[in-house]
């Protein structure tokens, strides 16, 4: 998923969120790339917040990640369930924390508004 004028490479783990069983995108490539940039930026921005929570409140790493996941899964966040999970797993990777077991829920029906 690259174009000559765009140097952003969307990782397979994110492309999978928007792919069908035959690995064909269900959304336009430009939209997937835009959602990836948003999710990646959010994960990077949450690094400092998660570290502050860890040092200030001293809860567990997995507790912090599950709390962030719960917030991102709310309808007001603008993120789908799979996107919320991807952001939290990416955040865990950036922090070098173990990936927590995250509660999953069925994603919104196809065509549901994200924002």
PDB file of N, CA and C in Angstrom:
ATOM      1  N   UNK A   1       0.837  -1.176   0.000  1.00  0.00           N
ATOM      2  CA  UNK A   1       0.000   0.000   0.000  1.00  0.00           C
ATOM      3  C   UNK A   1       0.881   1.239   0.000  1.00  0.00           C
ATOM      4  N   UNK A   2       1.560   1.481  -1.082  1.00  0.00           N
ATOM      5  CA  UNK A   2       2.348   2.694  -1.252  1.00  0.00           C
ATOM      6  C   UNK A   2       2.032   3.290  -2.608  1.00  0.00           C
ATOM      7  N   UNK A   3       2.209   4.565  -2.713  1.00  0.00           N
ATOM      8  CA  UNK A   3       2.046   5.261  -3.975  1.00  0.00           C
ATOM      9  C   UNK A   3       3.294   6.077  -4.197  1.00  0.00           C
ATOM     10  N   UNK A   4       3.577   6.420  -5.424  1.00  0.00           N
ATOM     11  CA  UNK A   4       4.788   7.160  -5.742  1.00  0.00           C
ATOM     12  C   UNK A   4       4.888   8.474  -4.982  1.00  0.00           C
ATOM     13  N   UNK A   5       3.770   9.163  -4.787  1.00  0.00           N
ATOM     14  CA  UNK A   5       3.803  10.460  -4.122  1.00  0.00           C
ATOM     15  C   UNK A   5       3.606  10.366  -2.612  1.00  0.00           C
ATOM     16  N   UNK A   6       3.479   9.175  -2.076  1.00  0.00           N
ATOM     17  CA  UNK A   6       3.255   9.001  -0.643  1.00  0.00           C
ATOM     18  C   UNK A   6       4.256   7.986  -0.105  1.00  0.00           C
ATOM     19  N   UNK A   7       5.053   8.416   0.856  1.00  0.00           N
ATOM     20  CA  UNK A   7       6.099   7.547   1.389  1.00  0.00           C
ATOM     21  C   UNK A   7       5.665   6.787   2.644  1.00  0.00           C
ATOM     22  N   UNK A   8       4.442   6.957   3.065  1.00  0.00           N
ATOM     23  CA  UNK A   8       3.965   6.256   4.257  1.00  0.00           C
ATOM     24  C   UNK A   8       3.638   4.819   3.895  1.00  0.00           C
ATOM     25  N   UNK A   9       4.226   3.910   4.638  1.00  0.00           N
ATOM     26  CA  UNK A   9       3.966   2.486   4.433  1.00  0.00           C
ATOM     27  C   UNK A   9       3.059   2.017   5.565  1.00  0.00           C
ATOM     28  N   UNK A  10       1.883   1.579   5.200  1.00  0.00           N
ATOM     29  CA  UNK A  10       0.924   1.092   6.185  1.00  0.00           C
ATOM     30  C   UNK A  10       1.265  -0.367   6.485  1.00  0.00           C
ATOM     31  N   UNK A  11       1.483  -0.705   7.768  1.00  0.00           N
ATOM     32  CA  UNK A  11       1.874  -2.083   8.105  1.00  0.00           C
ATOM     33  C   UNK A  11       0.742  -3.082   7.862  1.00  0.00           C
ATOM     34  N   UNK A  12       1.104  -4.306   7.573  1.00  0.00           N
ATOM     35  CA  UNK A  12       0.091  -5.352   7.336  1.00  0.00           C
ATOM     36  C   UNK A  12      -0.890  -5.512   8.499  1.00  0.00           C
ATOM     37  N   UNK A  13      -0.427  -5.309   9.724  1.00  0.00           N
ATOM     38  CA  UNK A  13      -1.322  -5.453  10.884  1.00  0.00           C
ATOM     39  C   UNK A  13      -2.461  -4.443  10.831  1.00  0.00           C
ATOM     40  N   UNK A  14      -2.216  -3.272  10.260  1.00  0.00           N
ATOM     41  CA  UNK A  14      -3.275  -2.268  10.143  1.00  0.00           C
ATOM     42  C   UNK A  14      -4.125  -2.530   8.906  1.00  0.00           C
ATOM     43  N   UNK A  15      -3.503  -2.906   7.815  1.00  0.00           N
ATOM     44  CA  UNK A  15      -4.248  -3.210   6.591  1.00  0.00           C
ATOM     45  C   UNK A  15      -5.269  -4.311   6.864  1.00  0.00           C
ATOM     46  N   UNK A  16      -4.905  -5.262   7.714  1.00  0.00           N
ATOM     47  CA  UNK A  16      -5.809  -6.368   8.044  1.00  0.00           C
ATOM     48  C   UNK A  16      -7.123  -5.885   8.655  1.00  0.00           C
ATOM     49  N   UNK A  17      -7.120  -4.739   9.318  1.00  0.00           N
ATOM     50  CA  UNK A  17      -8.345  -4.209   9.914  1.00  0.00           C
ATOM     51  C   UNK A  17      -9.377  -3.838   8.861  1.00  0.00           C
ATOM     52  N   UNK A  18      -8.908  -3.548   7.652  1.00  0.00           N
ATOM     53  CA  UNK A  18      -9.771  -3.074   6.580  1.00  0.00           C
ATOM     54  C   UNK A  18      -9.832  -4.058   5.414  1.00  0.00           C
ATOM     55  N   UNK A  19      -9.421  -5.295   5.642  1.00  0.00           N
ATOM     56  CA  UNK A  19      -9.384  -6.298   4.573  1.00  0.00           C
ATOM     57  C   UNK A  19     -10.433  -7.372   4.802  1.00  0.00           C
ATOM     58  N   UNK A  20     -10.905  -7.925   3.691  1.00  0.00           N
ATOM     59  CA  UNK A  20     -11.853  -9.035   3.787  1.00  0.00           C
ATOM     60  C   UNK A  20     -11.084 -10.351   3.868  1.00  0.00           C
ATOM     61  N   UNK A  21     -11.799 -11.462   3.826  1.00  0.00           N
ATOM     62  CA  UNK A  21     -11.171 -12.780   3.954  1.00  0.00           C
ATOM     63  C   UNK A  21     -10.175 -13.062   2.827  1.00  0.00           C
ATOM     64  N   UNK A  22     -10.368 -12.417   1.696  1.00  0.00           N
ATOM     65  CA  UNK A  22      -9.451 -12.598   0.561  1.00  0.00           C
ATOM     66  C   UNK A  22      -8.344 -11.550   0.552  1.00  0.00           C
ATOM     67  N   UNK A  23      -8.243 -10.816   1.626  1.00  0.00           N
ATOM     68  CA  UNK A  23      -7.221  -9.786   1.820  1.00  0.00           C
ATOM     69  C   UNK A  23      -7.357  -8.630   0.836  1.00  0.00           C
ATOM     70  N   UNK A  24      -8.590  -8.345   0.423  1.00  0.00           N
ATOM     71  CA  UNK A  24      -8.872  -7.174  -0.408  1.00  0.00           C
ATOM     72  C   UNK A  24      -9.381  -6.071   0.504  1.00  0.00           C
ATOM     73  N   UNK A  25      -8.953  -4.857   0.244  1.00  0.00           N
ATOM     74  CA  UNK A  25      -9.401  -3.736   1.065  1.00  0.00           C
ATOM     75  C   UNK A  25     -10.890  -3.503   0.895  1.00  0.00           C
ATOM     76  N   UNK A  26     -11.579  -3.255   2.015  1.00  0.00           N
ATOM     77  CA  UNK A  26     -12.999  -2.921   1.995  1.00  0.00           C
ATOM     78  C   UNK A  26     -13.205  -1.415   1.889  1.00  0.00           C
ATOM     79  N   UNK A  27     -12.161  -0.650   2.094  1.00  0.00           N
ATOM     80  CA  UNK A  27     -12.210   0.813   2.047  1.00  0.00           C
ATOM     81  C   UNK A  27     -11.169   1.298   1.037  1.00  0.00           C
ATOM     82  N   UNK A  28     -11.314   2.511   0.519  1.00  0.00           N
ATOM     83  CA  UNK A  28     -10.297   3.043  -0.397  1.00  0.00           C
ATOM     84  C   UNK A  28      -8.931   3.140   0.295  1.00  0.00           C
ATOM     85  N   UNK A  29      -7.876   2.889  -0.466  1.00  0.00           N
ATOM     86  CA  UNK A  29      -6.518   2.909   0.087  1.00  0.00           C
ATOM     87  C   UNK A  29      -6.200   4.234   0.764  1.00  0.00           C
ATOM     88  N   UNK A  30      -6.643   5.329   0.188  1.00  0.00           N
ATOM     89  CA  UNK A  30      -6.368   6.644   0.783  1.00  0.00           C
ATOM     90  C   UNK A  30      -7.011   6.767   2.162  1.00  0.00           C
ATOM     91  N   UNK A  31      -8.195   6.222   2.320  1.00  0.00           N
ATOM     92  CA  UNK A  31      -8.873   6.277   3.619  1.00  0.00           C
ATOM     93  C   UNK A  31      -8.154   5.403   4.645  1.00  0.00           C
ATOM     94  N   UNK A  32      -7.709   4.223   4.227  1.00  0.00           N
ATOM     95  CA  UNK A  32      -6.968   3.343   5.130  1.00  0.00           C
ATOM     96  C   UNK A  32      -5.682   4.034   5.572  1.00  0.00           C
ATOM     97  N   UNK A  33      -4.988   4.664   4.635  1.00  0.00           N
ATOM     98  CA  UNK A  33      -3.750   5.374   4.962  1.00  0.00           C
ATOM     99  C   UNK A  33      -4.033   6.522   5.949  1.00  0.00           C
ATOM    100  N   UNK A  34      -5.107   7.250   5.728  1.00  0.00           N
ATOM    101  CA  UNK A  34      -5.475   8.353   6.621  1.00  0.00           C
ATOM    102  C   UNK A  34      -5.782   7.837   8.029  1.00  0.00           C
ATOM    103  N   UNK A  35      -6.525   6.740   8.127  1.00  0.00           N
ATOM    104  CA  UNK A  35      -6.847   6.158   9.433  1.00  0.00           C
ATOM    105  C   UNK A  35      -5.576   5.649  10.116  1.00  0.00           C
ATOM    106  N   UNK A  36      -4.668   5.056   9.328  1.00  0.00           N
ATOM    107  CA  UNK A  36      -3.405   4.585   9.892  1.00  0.00           C
ATOM    108  C   UNK A  36      -2.614   5.749  10.476  1.00  0.00           C
ATOM    109  N   UNK A  37      -2.493   6.833   9.728  1.00  0.00           N
ATOM    110  CA  UNK A  37      -1.744   7.990  10.224  1.00  0.00           C
ATOM    111  C   UNK A  37      -2.349   8.503  11.528  1.00  0.00           C
ATOM    112  N   UNK A  38      -3.673   8.557  11.588  1.00  0.00           N
ATOM    113  CA  UNK A  38      -4.351   9.011  12.805  1.00  0.00           C
ATOM    114  C   UNK A  38      -4.059   8.074  13.981  1.00  0.00           C
ATOM    115  N   UNK A  39      -4.173   6.771  13.741  1.00  0.00           N
ATOM    116  CA  UNK A  39      -3.944   5.792  14.812  1.00  0.00           C
ATOM    117  C   UNK A  39      -2.483   5.776  15.262  1.00  0.00           C
ATOM    118  N   UNK A  40      -1.559   5.839  14.332  1.00  0.00           N
ATOM    119  CA  UNK A  40      -0.135   5.859  14.673  1.00  0.00           C
ATOM    120  C   UNK A  40       0.208   7.119  15.461  1.00  0.00           C
ATOM    121  N   UNK A  41      -0.302   8.268  15.012  1.00  0.00           N
ATOM    122  CA  UNK A  41      -0.051   9.517  15.735  1.00  0.00           C
ATOM    123  C   UNK A  41      -0.600   9.452  17.160  1.00  0.00           C
ATOM    124  N   UNK A  42      -1.798   8.908  17.303  1.00  0.00           N
ATOM    125  CA  UNK A  42      -2.386   8.802  18.636  1.00  0.00           C
ATOM    126  C   UNK A  42      -1.550   7.890  19.532  1.00  0.00           C
ATOM    127  N   UNK A  43      -1.118   6.755  19.017  1.00  0.00           N
ATOM    128  CA  UNK A  43      -0.296   5.844  19.821  1.00  0.00           C
ATOM    129  C   UNK A  43       0.977   6.548  20.285  1.00  0.00           C
ATOM    130  N   UNK A  44       1.604   7.302  19.388  1.00  0.00           N
ATOM    131  CA  UNK A  44       2.827   8.034  19.756  1.00  0.00           C
ATOM    132  C   UNK A  44       2.543   9.100  20.811  1.00  0.00           C
ATOM    133  N   UNK A  45       1.419   9.796  20.672  1.00  0.00           N
ATOM    134  CA  UNK A  45       1.068  10.835  21.640  1.00  0.00           C
ATOM    135  C   UNK A  45       0.719  10.252  23.004  1.00  0.00           C
ATOM    136  N   UNK A  46       0.198   9.046  23.028  1.00  0.00           N
ATOM    137  CA  UNK A  46      -0.193   8.426  24.292  1.00  0.00           C
ATOM    138  C   UNK A  46       0.982   7.875  25.095  1.00  0.00           C
ATOM    139  N   UNK A  47       2.160   7.791  24.499  1.00  0.00           N
ATOM    140  CA  UNK A  47       3.328   7.263  25.210  1.00  0.00           C
ATOM    141  C   UNK A  47       3.582   8.068  26.488  1.00  0.00           C
ATOM    142  N   UNK A  48       3.678   9.374  26.362  1.00  0.00           N
ATOM    143  CA  UNK A  48       3.944  10.224  27.531  1.00  0.00           C
ATOM    144  C   UNK A  48       2.844  10.130  28.573  1.00  0.00           C
ATOM    145  N   UNK A  49       1.598  10.097  28.117  1.00  0.00           N
ATOM    146  CA  UNK A  49       0.461  10.001  29.033  1.00  0.00           C
ATOM    147  C   UNK A  49       0.516   8.686  29.817  1.00  0.00           C
ATOM    148  N   UNK A  50       0.785   7.593  29.126  1.00  0.00           N
ATOM    149  CA  UNK A  50       0.853   6.285  29.798  1.00  0.00           C
ATOM    150  C   UNK A  50       2.009   6.237  30.794  1.00  0.00           C
ATOM    151  N   UNK A  51       3.155   6.811  30.424  1.00  0.00           N
ATOM    152  CA  UNK A  51       4.295   6.835  31.348  1.00  0.00           C
ATOM    153  C   UNK A  51       3.990   7.672  32.580  1.00  0.00           C
ATOM    154  N   UNK A  52       3.305   8.795  32.393  1.00  0.00           N
ATOM    155  CA  UNK A  52       2.922   9.640  33.527  1.00  0.00           C
ATOM    156  C   UNK A  52       1.993   8.885  34.460  1.00  0.00           C
ATOM    157  N   UNK A  53       0.990   8.212  33.888  1.00  0.00           N
ATOM    158  CA  UNK A  53       0.074   7.418  34.714  1.00  0.00           C
ATOM    159  C   UNK A  53       0.825   6.344  35.480  1.00  0.00           C
ATOM    160  N   UNK A  54       1.754   5.699  34.831  1.00  0.00           N
ATOM    161  CA  UNK A  54       2.501   4.620  35.469  1.00  0.00           C
ATOM    162  C   UNK A  54       3.321   5.136  36.647  1.00  0.00           C
ATOM    163  N   UNK A  55       3.960   6.285  36.487  1.00  0.00           N
ATOM    164  CA  UNK A  55       4.814   6.808  37.553  1.00  0.00           C
ATOM    165  C   UNK A  55       4.037   7.575  38.622  1.00  0.00           C
ATOM    166  N   UNK A  56       2.931   8.191  38.256  1.00  0.00           N
ATOM    167  CA  UNK A  56       2.165   8.989  39.218  1.00  0.00           C
ATOM    168  C   UNK A  56       1.207   8.136  40.044  1.00  0.00           C
ATOM    169  N   UNK A  57       0.541   7.209  39.392  1.00  0.00           N
ATOM    170  CA  UNK A  57      -0.485   6.437  40.080  1.00  0.00           C
ATOM    171  C   UNK A  57      -0.030   5.024  40.407  1.00  0.00           C
ATOM    172  N   UNK A  58       1.055   4.596  39.807  1.00  0.00           N
ATOM    173  CA  UNK A  58       1.664   3.281  40.028  1.00  0.00           C
ATOM    174  C   UNK A  58       0.726   2.091  39.843  1.00  0.00           C
ATOM    175  N   UNK A  59      -0.243   2.170  38.903  1.00  0.00           N
ATOM    176  CA  UNK A  59      -1.007   0.951  38.605  1.00  0.00           C
ATOM    177  C   UNK A  59      -0.172   0.059  37.693  1.00  0.00           C
ATOM    178  N   UNK A  60      -0.724  -1.035  37.320  1.00  0.00           N
ATOM    179  CA  UNK A  60       0.020  -1.950  36.452  1.00  0.00           C
ATOM    180  C   UNK A  60       0.035  -1.441  35.014  1.00  0.00           C
ATOM    181  N   UNK A  61       1.027  -1.872  34.268  1.00  0.00           N
ATOM    182  CA  UNK A  61       1.104  -1.511  32.852  1.00  0.00           C
ATOM    183  C   UNK A  61      -0.153  -1.980  32.127  1.00  0.00           C
ATOM    184  N   UNK A  62      -0.557  -3.221  32.379  1.00  0.00           N
ATOM    185  CA  UNK A  62      -1.734  -3.754  31.686  1.00  0.00           C
ATOM    186  C   UNK A  62      -3.004  -3.003  32.087  1.00  0.00           C
ATOM    187  N   UNK A  63      -3.089  -2.566  33.338  1.00  0.00           N
ATOM    188  CA  UNK A  63      -4.247  -1.789  33.777  1.00  0.00           C
ATOM    189  C   UNK A  63      -4.341  -0.457  33.049  1.00  0.00           C
ATOM    190  N   UNK A  64      -3.213   0.189  32.854  1.00  0.00           N
ATOM    191  CA  UNK A  64      -3.186   1.466  32.122  1.00  0.00           C
ATOM    192  C   UNK A  64      -3.619   1.237  30.679  1.00  0.00           C
ATOM    193  N   UNK A  65      -3.067   0.212  30.050  1.00  0.00           N
ATOM    194  CA  UNK A  65      -3.399  -0.063  28.648  1.00  0.00           C
ATOM    195  C   UNK A  65      -4.872  -0.447  28.494  1.00  0.00           C
ATOM    196  N   UNK A  66      -5.398  -1.239  29.423  1.00  0.00           N
ATOM    197  CA  UNK A  66      -6.822  -1.604  29.344  1.00  0.00           C
ATOM    198  C   UNK A  66      -7.717  -0.379  29.540  1.00  0.00           C
ATOM    199  N   UNK A  67      -7.312   0.532  30.412  1.00  0.00           N
ATOM    200  CA  UNK A  67      -8.079   1.753  30.627  1.00  0.00           C
ATOM    201  C   UNK A  67      -8.097   2.624  29.368  1.00  0.00           C
ATOM    202  N   UNK A  68      -6.955   2.772  28.737  1.00  0.00           N
ATOM    203  CA  UNK A  68      -6.879   3.545  27.491  1.00  0.00           C
ATOM    204  C   UNK A  68      -7.724   2.869  26.414  1.00  0.00           C
ATOM    205  N   UNK A  69      -7.668   1.551  26.361  1.00  0.00           N
ATOM    206  CA  UNK A  69      -8.464   0.803  25.386  1.00  0.00           C
ATOM    207  C   UNK A  69      -9.954   1.044  25.601  1.00  0.00           C
ATOM    208  N   UNK A  70     -10.382   1.020  26.846  1.00  0.00           N
ATOM    209  CA  UNK A  70     -11.801   1.255  27.146  1.00  0.00           C
ATOM    210  C   UNK A  70     -12.230   2.638  26.673  1.00  0.00           C
ATOM    211  N   UNK A  71     -11.384   3.629  26.881  1.00  0.00           N
ATOM    212  CA  UNK A  71     -11.706   4.983  26.421  1.00  0.00           C
ATOM    213  C   UNK A  71     -11.780   5.080  24.913  1.00  0.00           C
ATOM    214  N   UNK A  72     -10.873   4.408  24.232  1.00  0.00           N
ATOM    215  CA  UNK A  72     -10.860   4.463  22.766  1.00  0.00           C
ATOM    216  C   UNK A  72     -12.027   3.690  22.155  1.00  0.00           C
ATOM    217  N   UNK A  73     -12.561   2.728  22.870  1.00  0.00           N
ATOM    218  CA  UNK A  73     -13.690   1.945  22.351  1.00  0.00           C
ATOM    219  C   UNK A  73     -15.012   2.671  22.506  1.00  0.00           C
ATOM    220  N   UNK A  74     -15.031   3.778  23.230  1.00  0.00           N
ATOM    221  CA  UNK A  74     -16.287   4.511  23.401  1.00  0.00           C
ATOM    222  C   UNK A  74     -16.691   5.141  22.067  1.00  0.00           C
ATOM    223  N   UNK A  75     -17.986   5.240  21.827  1.00  0.00           N
ATOM    224  CA  UNK A  75     -18.452   5.812  20.552  1.00  0.00           C
ATOM    225  C   UNK A  75     -17.942   7.244  20.311  1.00  0.00           C
ATOM    226  N   UNK A  76     -17.725   7.982  21.372  1.00  0.00           N
ATOM    227  CA  UNK A  76     -17.285   9.367  21.239  1.00  0.00           C
ATOM    228  C   UNK A  76     -15.840   9.496  20.751  1.00  0.00           C
ATOM    229  N   UNK A  77     -15.072   8.425  20.818  1.00  0.00           N
ATOM    230  CA  UNK A  77     -13.650   8.509  20.462  1.00  0.00           C
ATOM    231  C   UNK A  77     -13.432   8.684  18.966  1.00  0.00           C
ATOM    232  N   UNK A  78     -14.347   8.182  18.160  1.00  0.00           N
ATOM    233  CA  UNK A  78     -14.175   8.248  16.717  1.00  0.00           C
ATOM    234  C   UNK A  78     -13.368   7.094  16.153  1.00  0.00           C
ATOM    235  N   UNK A  79     -13.033   6.104  16.993  1.00  0.00           N
ATOM    236  CA  UNK A  79     -12.257   4.950  16.553  1.00  0.00           C
ATOM    237  C   UNK A  79     -13.136   3.708  16.585  1.00  0.00           C
ATOM    238  N   UNK A  80     -12.938   2.828  15.627  1.00  0.00           N
ATOM    239  CA  UNK A  80     -13.648   1.551  15.641  1.00  0.00           C
ATOM    240  C   UNK A  80     -13.004   0.659  16.709  1.00  0.00           C
ATOM    241  N   UNK A  81     -13.684  -0.415  17.074  1.00  0.00           N
ATOM    242  CA  UNK A  81     -13.121  -1.361  18.045  1.00  0.00           C
ATOM    243  C   UNK A  81     -11.767  -1.917  17.610  1.00  0.00           C
ATOM    244  N   UNK A  82     -11.657  -2.387  16.369  1.00  0.00           N
ATOM    245  CA  UNK A  82     -10.355  -2.900  15.915  1.00  0.00           C
ATOM    246  C   UNK A  82      -9.263  -1.821  15.884  1.00  0.00           C
ATOM    247  N   UNK A  83      -9.630  -0.599  15.537  1.00  0.00           N
ATOM    248  CA  UNK A  83      -8.637   0.479  15.552  1.00  0.00           C
ATOM    249  C   UNK A  83      -8.180   0.758  16.977  1.00  0.00           C
ATOM    250  N   UNK A  84      -9.109   0.759  17.929  1.00  0.00           N
ATOM    251  CA  UNK A  84      -8.754   0.982  19.331  1.00  0.00           C
ATOM    252  C   UNK A  84      -7.782  -0.082  19.814  1.00  0.00           C
ATOM    253  N   UNK A  85      -8.049  -1.316  19.456  1.00  0.00           N
ATOM    254  CA  UNK A  85      -7.151  -2.412  19.841  1.00  0.00           C
ATOM    255  C   UNK A  85      -5.782  -2.230  19.204  1.00  0.00           C
ATOM    256  N   UNK A  86      -5.752  -1.857  17.925  1.00  0.00           N
ATOM    257  CA  UNK A  86      -4.482  -1.660  17.238  1.00  0.00           C
ATOM    258  C   UNK A  86      -3.680  -0.541  17.904  1.00  0.00           C
ATOM    259  N   UNK A  87      -4.338   0.564  18.255  1.00  0.00           N
ATOM    260  CA  UNK A  87      -3.648   1.686  18.902  1.00  0.00           C
ATOM    261  C   UNK A  87      -3.023   1.240  20.216  1.00  0.00           C
ATOM    262  N   UNK A  88      -3.761   0.497  21.016  1.00  0.00           N
ATOM    263  CA  UNK A  88      -3.249   0.070  22.324  1.00  0.00           C
ATOM    264  C   UNK A  88      -2.115  -0.939  22.173  1.00  0.00           C
ATOM    265  N   UNK A  89      -2.230  -1.843  21.227  1.00  0.00           N
ATOM    266  CA  UNK A  89      -1.132  -2.792  21.001  1.00  0.00           C
ATOM    267  C   UNK A  89       0.113  -2.072  20.472  1.00  0.00           C
ATOM    268  N   UNK A  90      -0.090  -1.073  19.648  1.00  0.00           N
ATOM    269  CA  UNK A  90       1.040  -0.270  19.154  1.00  0.00           C
ATOM    270  C   UNK A  90       1.649   0.528  20.302  1.00  0.00           C
ATOM    271  N   UNK A  91       0.814   1.071  21.171  1.00  0.00           N
ATOM    272  CA  UNK A  91       1.298   1.806  22.340  1.00  0.00           C
ATOM    273  C   UNK A  91       2.139   0.890  23.225  1.00  0.00           C
ATOM    274  N   UNK A  92       1.659  -0.320  23.465  1.00  0.00           N
ATOM    275  CA  UNK A  92       2.430  -1.282  24.274  1.00  0.00           C
ATOM    276  C   UNK A  92       3.781  -1.549  23.621  1.00  0.00           C
ATOM    277  N   UNK A  93       3.791  -1.667  22.311  1.00  0.00           N
ATOM    278  CA  UNK A  93       5.044  -1.900  21.593  1.00  0.00           C
ATOM    279  C   UNK A  93       5.995  -0.716  21.761  1.00  0.00           C
ATOM    280  N   UNK A  94       5.474   0.502  21.621  1.00  0.00           N
ATOM    281  CA  UNK A  94       6.310   1.697  21.764  1.00  0.00           C
ATOM    282  C   UNK A  94       6.880   1.826  23.177  1.00  0.00           C
ATOM    283  N   UNK A  95       6.081   1.441  24.168  1.00  0.00           N
ATOM    284  CA  UNK A  95       6.515   1.521  25.568  1.00  0.00           C
ATOM    285  C   UNK A  95       7.390   0.338  25.984  1.00  0.00           C
ATOM    286  N   UNK A  96       7.434  -0.675  25.132  1.00  0.00           N
ATOM    287  CA  UNK A  96       8.115  -1.928  25.444  1.00  0.00           C
ATOM    288  C   UNK A  96       7.479  -2.600  26.664  1.00  0.00           C
ATOM    289  N   UNK A  97       6.147  -2.530  26.714  1.00  0.00           N
ATOM    290  CA  UNK A  97       5.354  -3.199  27.733  1.00  0.00           C
ATOM    291  C   UNK A  97       4.744  -4.442  27.095  1.00  0.00           C
ATOM    292  N   UNK A  98       4.395  -5.413  27.927  1.00  0.00           N
ATOM    293  CA  UNK A  98       3.717  -6.610  27.432  1.00  0.00           C
ATOM    294  C   UNK A  98       2.335  -6.220  26.915  1.00  0.00           C
ATOM    295  N   UNK A  99       1.924  -6.855  25.842  1.00  0.00           N
ATOM    296  CA  UNK A  99       0.587  -6.590  25.293  1.00  0.00           C
ATOM    297  C   UNK A  99      -0.455  -7.219  26.210  1.00  0.00           C
ATOM    298  N   UNK A 100      -1.426  -6.430  26.646  1.00  0.00           N
ATOM    299  CA  UNK A 100      -2.439  -6.968  27.558  1.00  0.00           C
ATOM    300  C   UNK A 100      -3.518  -7.742  26.805  1.00  0.00           C
ATOM    301  N   UNK A 101      -4.231  -8.571  27.548  1.00  0.00           N
ATOM    302  CA  UNK A 101      -5.420  -9.209  26.985  1.00  0.00           C
ATOM    303  C   UNK A 101      -6.500  -8.136  26.974  1.00  0.00           C
ATOM    304  N   UNK A 102      -7.015  -7.829  25.806  1.00  0.00           N
ATOM    305  CA  UNK A 102      -7.996  -6.758  25.676  1.00  0.00           C
ATOM    306  C   UNK A 102      -9.374  -7.328  25.400  1.00  0.00           C
ATOM    307  N   UNK A 103     -10.362  -6.705  26.018  1.00  0.00           N
ATOM    308  CA  UNK A 103     -11.741  -7.101  25.802  1.00  0.00           C
ATOM    309  C   UNK A 103     -12.110  -6.740  24.374  1.00  0.00           C
ATOM    310  N   UNK A 104     -12.726  -7.668  23.679  1.00  0.00           N
ATOM    311  CA  UNK A 104     -13.116  -7.374  22.299  1.00  0.00           C
ATOM    312  C   UNK A 104     -14.627  -7.316  22.218  1.00  0.00           C
ATOM    313  N   UNK A 105     -15.077  -6.601  21.211  1.00  0.00           N
ATOM    314  CA  UNK A 105     -16.503  -6.522  20.950  1.00  0.00           C
ATOM    315  C   UNK A 105     -16.679  -6.532  19.452  1.00  0.00           C
ATOM    316  N   UNK A 106     -17.820  -6.952  18.986  1.00  0.00           N
ATOM    317  CA  UNK A 106     -18.038  -6.942  17.543  1.00  0.00           C
ATOM    318  C   UNK A 106     -17.896  -5.515  17.027  1.00  0.00           C
ATOM    319  N   UNK A 107     -17.295  -5.386  15.872  1.00  0.00           N
ATOM    320  CA  UNK A 107     -17.123  -4.070  15.267  1.00  0.00           C
ATOM    321  C   UNK A 107     -18.478  -3.554  14.796  1.00  0.00           C
ATOM    322  N   UNK A 108     -18.531  -2.257  14.592  1.00  0.00           N
ATOM    323  CA  UNK A 108     -19.750  -1.626  14.106  1.00  0.00           C
ATOM    324  C   UNK A 108     -20.104  -2.199  12.734  1.00  0.00           C
ATOM    325  N   UNK A 109     -21.374  -2.191  12.382  1.00  0.00           N
ATOM    326  CA  UNK A 109     -21.766  -2.703  11.071  1.00  0.00           C
ATOM    327  C   UNK A 109     -21.068  -1.948   9.956  1.00  0.00           C
ATOM    328  N   UNK A 110     -20.891  -2.620   8.844  1.00  0.00           N
ATOM    329  CA  UNK A 110     -20.236  -2.017   7.677  1.00  0.00           C
ATOM    330  C   UNK A 110     -20.935  -0.722   7.313  1.00  0.00           C
ATOM    331  N   UNK A 111     -20.152   0.298   7.078  1.00  0.00           N
ATOM    332  CA  UNK A 111     -20.698   1.590   6.687  1.00  0.00           C
ATOM    333  C   UNK A 111     -21.061   2.473   7.858  1.00  0.00           C
ATOM    334  N   UNK A 112     -20.860   2.012   9.091  1.00  0.00           N
ATOM    335  CA  UNK A 112     -21.185   2.838  10.254  1.00  0.00           C
ATOM    336  C   UNK A 112     -20.236   4.019  10.319  1.00  0.00           C
ATOM    337  N   UNK A 113     -20.734   5.144  10.769  1.00  0.00           N
ATOM    338  CA  UNK A 113     -19.928   6.359  10.852  1.00  0.00           C
ATOM    339  C   UNK A 113     -18.963   6.258  12.009  1.00  0.00           C
ATOM    340  N   UNK A 114     -17.687   6.617  11.775  1.00  0.00           N
ATOM    341  CA  UNK A 114     -16.655   6.546  12.811  1.00  0.00           C
ATOM    342  C   UNK A 114     -16.514   7.842  13.571  1.00  0.00           C
ATOM    343  N   UNK A 115     -16.889   8.929  12.982  1.00  0.00           N
ATOM    344  CA  UNK A 115     -16.633  10.222  13.628  1.00  0.00           C
ATOM    345  C   UNK A 115     -17.897  10.912  14.036  1.00  0.00           C
TER     346      UNK A 115
END
